[in-house]
């Protein structure tokens, strides 16, 4: 194998190498970390943020960003909870209500980004604040408790060992993977993120592509919120706060570029979401000081973003070397 080919393999698989390195590090520091129950619990706890991160991947691929997913989770879960309390609807019907609110949330973002032409950062920052305020208005800052039937969804184990949240996460990843790799609209998201002007010249309806990415992100944010509620059983004023950054981190740790056009749901975002939960769990298993844990996590995130930036520059330079000017 040539040196250049080996170097390209390292660049392409940098997220996997980072995942393996951190996994082995915590495994050596704590024997409990490698137990099957512990690993299964890590994946289960990562499932809800993983679902949100899959939606975030769609947006990042188009060179956009969605800061409102945490507020989306909050509002969607609140509306579903209030519908159960006030109208006595079933948990599964409440799930559809939750998904509808999430889709509506994403559609509002899509409208202002594609029709009004406001920068995604500003739009989603505004809807993040507005969504949080709307949730507090609906609840008067009181917590919303969910019945045991909803909590049961989060505790179901299929085949005696597979938690339902993990299965739902897997199904979301499968559909997202097939959409991005086999559907024309999915492949167009990569084209738009790589160069939106070139995509327009190629005849791609860029507004449709952008709108679809934000609506999918909103829908999956609501689903992730419901899965989180099914594990917690309660929605308080802090629900979903900061999850937008974990979702972005999961996508970036999995190799999705902040500059658009590069990334994958599987194994990329899946590894990123599990990696985040693995870091938090590993810090607990190794008994790292509680006040130092956010600093350690921030350091790992900074390293991932730095590596992504370096990888993007190196890949760009290597592509330029293969350009041949016709005489």
Protein backbone atom coordinates (compact mmCIF):
# COMPACT_ATOMS: atom_id res chain seq x y z
CA UNK A 1 0.00 0.00 0.00
CA UNK A 2 1.38 3.40 -1.00
CA UNK A 3 1.98 6.15 1.51
CA UNK A 4 -0.62 8.44 -0.09
CA UNK A 5 -3.30 5.73 -0.08
CA UNK A 6 -2.61 4.94 3.57
CA UNK A 7 -2.84 8.63 4.44
CA UNK A 8 -6.18 8.91 2.64
CA UNK A 9 -7.54 5.94 4.59
CA UNK A 10 -6.51 7.62 7.87
CA UNK A 11 -8.28 10.84 6.87
CA UNK A 12 -11.46 9.06 5.80
CA UNK A 13 -11.63 6.93 8.95
CA UNK A 14 -10.55 9.51 11.52
CA UNK A 15 -13.92 9.41 13.40
CA UNK A 16 -13.71 5.62 13.74
CA UNK A 17 -10.13 5.82 14.98
CA UNK A 18 -11.13 8.44 17.57
CA UNK A 19 -14.03 6.22 18.72
CA UNK A 20 -11.78 3.16 19.09
CA UNK A 21 -9.12 5.15 20.94
CA UNK A 22 -11.58 6.54 23.53
CA UNK A 23 -13.33 3.16 23.90
CA UNK A 24 -10.05 1.37 24.61
CA UNK A 25 -8.89 4.13 26.97
CA UNK A 26 -11.96 3.91 29.20
CA UNK A 27 -11.93 0.11 28.92
CA UNK A 28 -8.40 -0.01 30.31
CA UNK A 29 -9.21 2.47 33.08
CA UNK A 30 -12.37 0.66 34.27
CA UNK A 31 -13.32 -3.02 34.00
CA UNK A 32 -17.02 -2.19 34.59
CA UNK A 33 -17.03 -0.07 31.45
CA UNK A 34 -16.59 -3.16 29.25
CA UNK A 35 -19.45 -5.15 30.79
CA UNK A 36 -22.29 -5.99 28.38
CA UNK A 37 -24.94 -4.36 30.57
CA UNK A 38 -22.91 -1.17 30.75
CA UNK A 39 -22.36 -1.01 26.99
CA UNK A 40 -26.02 -1.73 26.28
CA UNK A 41 -27.06 0.99 28.73
CA UNK A 42 -24.71 3.46 27.00
CA UNK A 43 -26.34 2.78 23.63
CA UNK A 44 -29.82 3.04 25.17
CA UNK A 45 -29.04 6.40 26.77
CA UNK A 46 -27.49 7.60 23.51
CA UNK A 47 -30.53 6.62 21.45
CA UNK A 48 -32.55 9.81 21.93
CA UNK A 49 -29.68 12.20 21.21
CA UNK A 50 -28.67 9.93 18.35
CA UNK A 51 -32.08 10.34 16.74
CA UNK A 52 -31.82 14.13 17.09
CA UNK A 53 -28.27 14.01 15.73
CA UNK A 54 -29.43 12.10 12.65
CA UNK A 55 -31.81 14.98 11.90
CA UNK A 56 -29.02 17.46 12.55
CA UNK A 57 -26.85 15.59 10.04
CA UNK A 58 -29.36 16.33 7.28
CA UNK A 59 -29.09 20.05 8.04
CA UNK A 60 -25.31 20.08 8.37
CA UNK A 61 -24.93 18.28 5.05
CA UNK A 62 -26.59 21.30 3.38
CA UNK A 63 -24.11 23.63 5.16
CA UNK A 64 -26.84 24.79 7.54
CA UNK A 65 -27.44 24.51 11.27
CA UNK A 66 -30.44 24.11 13.57
CA UNK A 67 -30.06 25.54 17.06
CA UNK A 68 -33.76 25.06 17.85
CA UNK A 69 -33.90 21.27 18.23
CA UNK A 70 -33.72 21.45 22.03
CA UNK A 71 -36.67 23.85 22.18
CA UNK A 72 -38.44 21.72 19.58
CA UNK A 73 -38.07 18.68 21.86
CA UNK A 74 -39.40 20.72 24.78
CA UNK A 75 -42.49 22.12 23.04
CA UNK A 76 -43.35 18.87 21.26
CA UNK A 77 -43.14 16.84 24.45
CA UNK A 78 -45.19 19.41 26.38
CA UNK A 79 -48.00 19.43 23.81
CA UNK A 80 -48.05 15.62 23.81
CA UNK A 81 -48.13 15.54 27.61
CA UNK A 82 -50.90 18.13 27.87
CA UNK A 83 -52.90 16.22 25.24
CA UNK A 84 -52.66 13.08 27.40
CA UNK A 85 -53.65 14.98 30.57
CA UNK A 86 -56.48 17.03 29.06
CA UNK A 87 -57.93 14.68 26.48
CA UNK A 88 -56.84 11.26 27.71
CA UNK A 89 -55.37 10.18 24.36
CA UNK A 90 -53.25 7.03 24.13
CA UNK A 91 -49.43 7.21 24.33
CA UNK A 92 -49.08 6.18 20.68
CA UNK A 93 -51.49 8.90 19.55
CA UNK A 94 -49.54 11.33 21.73
CA UNK A 95 -46.43 10.29 19.80
CA UNK A 96 -48.10 11.34 16.52
CA UNK A 97 -49.08 14.67 18.10
CA UNK A 98 -45.49 15.14 19.20
CA UNK A 99 -44.19 14.36 15.71
CA UNK A 100 -46.66 16.78 14.12
CA UNK A 101 -45.51 19.63 16.36
CA UNK A 102 -41.88 18.81 15.57
CA UNK A 103 -42.57 18.77 11.84
CA UNK A 104 -44.38 22.11 12.18
CA UNK A 105 -41.40 23.51 14.06
CA UNK A 106 -39.06 22.42 11.28
CA UNK A 107 -41.40 23.81 8.64
CA UNK A 108 -41.31 27.24 10.27
CA UNK A 109 -37.52 27.19 10.14
CA UNK A 110 -37.64 26.05 6.52
CA UNK A 111 -40.03 28.86 5.54
CA UNK A 112 -37.90 31.68 6.93
CA UNK A 113 -34.68 30.17 5.56
CA UNK A 114 -35.87 29.35 2.04
CA UNK A 115 -38.61 31.94 1.44
CA UNK A 116 -37.60 34.94 3.54
CA UNK A 117 -33.90 34.18 2.94
CA UNK A 118 -32.73 34.70 6.52
CA UNK A 119 -29.48 33.06 7.60
CA UNK A 120 -30.14 29.65 9.26
CA UNK A 121 -28.16 30.58 12.37
CA UNK A 122 -30.37 33.62 13.02
CA UNK A 123 -33.64 31.83 12.20
CA UNK A 124 -32.98 28.82 14.41
CA UNK A 125 -31.59 30.99 17.20
CA UNK A 126 -34.85 32.96 17.16
CA UNK A 127 -37.03 29.83 17.12
CA UNK A 128 -34.89 28.34 19.89
CA UNK A 129 -35.70 31.30 22.17
CA UNK A 130 -39.31 31.54 21.01
CA UNK A 131 -39.88 27.81 21.46
CA UNK A 132 -38.51 27.82 24.97
CA UNK A 133 -40.72 30.79 25.82
CA UNK A 134 -43.78 29.10 24.32
CA UNK A 135 -43.15 25.98 26.38
CA UNK A 136 -42.86 27.99 29.57
CA UNK A 137 -46.07 29.83 28.68
CA UNK A 138 -47.97 26.57 28.15
CA UNK A 139 -46.81 25.07 31.43
CA UNK A 140 -46.40 28.19 33.57
CA UNK A 141 -42.95 26.71 34.35
CA UNK A 142 -44.53 23.64 35.95
CA UNK A 143 -43.31 20.13 35.18
CA UNK A 144 -45.47 17.86 33.02
CA UNK A 145 -45.67 14.27 34.25
CA UNK A 146 -46.31 11.40 31.85
CA UNK A 147 -48.30 8.26 32.74
CA UNK A 148 -46.75 4.84 33.28
CA UNK A 149 -47.94 3.78 29.83
CA UNK A 150 -45.46 6.22 28.25
CA UNK A 151 -42.65 5.22 30.61
CA UNK A 152 -43.36 1.60 29.68
CA UNK A 153 -42.40 2.41 26.08
CA UNK A 154 -38.93 3.38 27.24
CA UNK A 155 -38.50 0.26 29.34
CA UNK A 156 -39.75 -2.37 26.86
CA UNK A 157 -37.14 -5.00 26.05
CA UNK A 158 -37.61 -6.97 22.85
CA UNK A 159 -36.37 -10.56 22.77
CA UNK A 160 -35.53 -10.16 26.44
CA UNK A 161 -32.47 -7.98 25.95
CA UNK A 162 -33.01 -5.28 23.26
CA UNK A 163 -34.47 -2.00 24.62
CA UNK A 164 -37.13 -0.46 22.37
CA UNK A 165 -35.34 2.95 22.21
CA UNK A 166 -32.33 1.25 20.61
CA UNK A 167 -34.56 -0.44 18.03
CA UNK A 168 -36.27 2.86 17.17
CA UNK A 169 -32.84 4.50 16.85
CA UNK A 170 -31.72 1.70 14.51
CA UNK A 171 -34.84 2.09 12.34
CA UNK A 172 -34.30 5.86 12.06
CA UNK A 173 -30.67 5.31 11.09
CA UNK A 174 -31.65 2.72 8.47
CA UNK A 175 -34.22 4.97 6.80
CA UNK A 176 -31.87 7.98 6.93
CA UNK A 177 -29.03 5.95 5.44
CA UNK A 178 -31.20 4.66 2.60
CA UNK A 179 -32.61 8.13 1.96
CA UNK A 180 -29.22 9.84 1.75
CA UNK A 181 -27.56 7.14 -0.33
CA UNK A 182 -30.33 5.90 -2.61
CA UNK A 183 -32.85 8.73 -3.04
CA UNK A 184 -32.17 11.58 -5.50
CA UNK A 185 -33.22 14.16 -2.90
CA UNK A 186 -30.75 12.69 -0.42
CA UNK A 187 -27.84 12.86 -2.85
CA UNK A 188 -28.85 16.40 -3.74
CA UNK A 189 -28.32 17.41 -0.11
CA UNK A 190 -24.63 16.58 -0.49
CA UNK A 191 -24.49 18.60 -3.71
CA UNK A 192 -26.16 21.63 -2.12
CA UNK A 193 -23.83 21.52 0.87
CA UNK A 194 -20.76 21.14 -1.31
CA UNK A 195 -21.58 24.09 -3.60
CA UNK A 196 -25.07 25.54 -3.66
CA UNK A 197 -24.40 27.71 -6.71
CA UNK A 198 -23.11 24.76 -8.71
CA UNK A 199 -26.15 22.76 -7.57
CA UNK A 200 -28.47 25.51 -8.86
CA UNK A 201 -26.69 25.54 -12.21
CA UNK A 202 -27.12 21.77 -12.37
CA UNK A 203 -30.89 22.22 -12.12
CA UNK A 204 -31.33 21.20 -8.49
CA UNK A 205 -34.25 22.82 -6.68
CA UNK A 206 -32.09 24.02 -3.78
CA UNK A 207 -34.94 25.58 -1.81
CA UNK A 208 -36.77 22.25 -1.79
CA UNK A 209 -33.65 20.44 -0.65
CA UNK A 210 -33.01 22.92 2.16
CA UNK A 211 -36.64 22.90 3.30
CA UNK A 212 -36.71 19.10 3.38
CA UNK A 213 -33.59 18.94 5.54
CA UNK A 214 -35.05 21.29 8.18
CA UNK A 215 -38.42 19.53 8.22
CA UNK A 216 -36.73 16.15 8.69
CA UNK A 217 -34.59 17.65 11.44
CA UNK A 218 -37.69 19.01 13.19
CA UNK A 219 -39.50 15.68 12.91
CA UNK A 220 -36.59 13.70 14.34
CA UNK A 221 -36.03 16.24 17.12
CA UNK A 222 -39.60 15.63 18.28
CA UNK A 223 -39.12 11.86 18.07
CA UNK A 224 -35.92 12.12 20.09
CA UNK A 225 -37.75 14.22 22.66
CA UNK A 226 -40.50 11.62 23.02
CA UNK A 227 -37.94 8.81 23.44
CA UNK A 228 -36.24 10.87 26.14
CA UNK A 229 -39.58 11.43 27.90
CA UNK A 230 -40.29 7.70 27.73
CA UNK A 231 -37.09 7.14 29.74
CA UNK A 232 -37.49 10.06 32.16
CA UNK A 233 -41.27 10.23 32.59
CA UNK A 234 -41.29 13.99 33.11
CA UNK A 235 -40.72 17.24 31.23
CA UNK A 236 -39.42 20.16 33.28
CA UNK A 237 -38.28 23.64 32.31
CA UNK A 238 -34.77 22.40 31.56
CA UNK A 239 -35.85 19.58 29.26
CA UNK A 240 -33.94 19.60 25.96
CA UNK A 241 -31.78 22.54 26.99
CA UNK A 242 -28.29 22.05 25.56
CA UNK A 243 -29.29 18.99 23.52
CA UNK A 244 -28.84 21.00 20.34
CA UNK A 245 -25.13 21.21 21.07
CA UNK A 246 -24.90 17.50 21.84
CA UNK A 247 -26.63 16.76 18.52
CA UNK A 248 -24.21 18.97 16.62
CA UNK A 249 -21.30 17.43 18.51
CA UNK A 250 -22.48 13.90 17.70
CA UNK A 251 -22.67 14.68 14.00
CA UNK A 252 -19.27 16.39 13.95
CA UNK A 253 -17.62 13.66 16.02
CA UNK A 254 -18.99 11.22 13.44
CA UNK A 255 -17.25 13.04 10.62
CA UNK A 256 -19.97 15.36 9.33
CA UNK A 257 -18.36 18.60 8.24
CA UNK A 258 -19.56 21.92 9.56
CA UNK A 259 -18.87 23.29 6.08
CA UNK A 260 -21.43 20.99 4.42
CA UNK A 261 -21.31 18.30 1.78
CA UNK A 262 -19.41 15.72 3.83
CA UNK A 263 -20.76 13.22 6.35
CA UNK A 264 -22.73 10.05 6.89
CA UNK A 265 -25.43 8.80 9.21
CA UNK A 266 -23.91 5.34 9.45
CA UNK A 267 -21.42 4.73 10.83
CA UNK A 268 -20.66 8.44 11.30
CA UNK A 269 -23.43 10.02 13.36
CA UNK A 270 -24.19 6.74 15.13
CA UNK A 271 -20.60 6.53 16.38
CA UNK A 272 -20.68 10.21 17.34
CA UNK A 273 -23.85 9.86 19.43
CA UNK A 274 -22.58 6.74 21.19
CA UNK A 275 -19.19 8.39 21.67
CA UNK A 276 -20.75 11.33 23.53
CA UNK A 277 -22.61 9.05 25.93
CA UNK A 278 -19.56 6.82 26.20
CA UNK A 279 -17.45 9.77 27.31
CA UNK A 280 -19.96 10.84 29.98
CA UNK A 281 -20.34 7.26 31.23
CA UNK A 282 -16.60 6.66 31.10
CA UNK A 283 -15.95 9.75 33.20
CA UNK A 284 -18.39 8.39 35.80
CA UNK A 285 -16.88 4.90 35.75
CA UNK A 286 -13.37 6.29 36.18
CA UNK A 287 -14.59 8.61 38.97
CA UNK A 288 -13.39 11.82 37.39
CA UNK A 289 -14.20 14.87 39.47
CA UNK A 290 -17.78 15.97 38.72
CA UNK A 291 -16.68 19.56 38.12
CA UNK A 292 -13.95 18.50 35.70
CA UNK A 293 -16.22 16.35 33.52
CA UNK A 294 -17.58 19.24 31.38
CA UNK A 295 -14.00 20.42 30.77
CA UNK A 296 -12.89 16.97 29.65
CA UNK A 297 -15.89 16.63 27.36
CA UNK A 298 -15.27 20.11 25.92
CA UNK A 299 -11.66 19.14 25.26
CA UNK A 300 -12.71 16.04 23.33
CA UNK A 301 -15.24 18.06 21.34
CA UNK A 302 -12.65 20.71 20.52
CA UNK A 303 -10.27 17.99 19.37
CA UNK A 304 -12.94 16.54 17.08
CA UNK A 305 -13.73 19.93 15.52
CA UNK A 306 -10.01 20.65 15.12
CA UNK A 307 -9.45 17.30 13.42
CA UNK A 308 -12.44 17.95 11.15
CA UNK A 309 -10.98 21.30 10.12
CA UNK A 310 -7.54 19.79 9.48
CA UNK A 311 -9.04 16.88 7.56
CA UNK A 312 -11.11 19.22 5.37
CA UNK A 313 -8.07 21.34 4.50
CA UNK A 314 -5.90 18.32 3.75
CA UNK A 315 -8.54 16.68 1.58
CA UNK A 316 -9.02 19.94 -0.33
CA UNK A 317 -5.28 20.26 -0.95
CA UNK A 318 -4.98 16.67 -2.09
CA UNK A 319 -7.87 17.11 -4.54
CA UNK A 320 -6.23 20.24 -5.98
CA UNK A 321 -3.05 18.26 -6.65
CA UNK A 322 -4.98 15.99 -9.00
CA UNK A 323 -6.40 18.84 -11.06
CA UNK A 324 -4.94 18.92 -14.56
CA UNK A 325 -5.04 22.12 -16.57
CA UNK A 326 -5.81 21.45 -20.22
CA UNK A 327 -3.61 23.28 -22.70
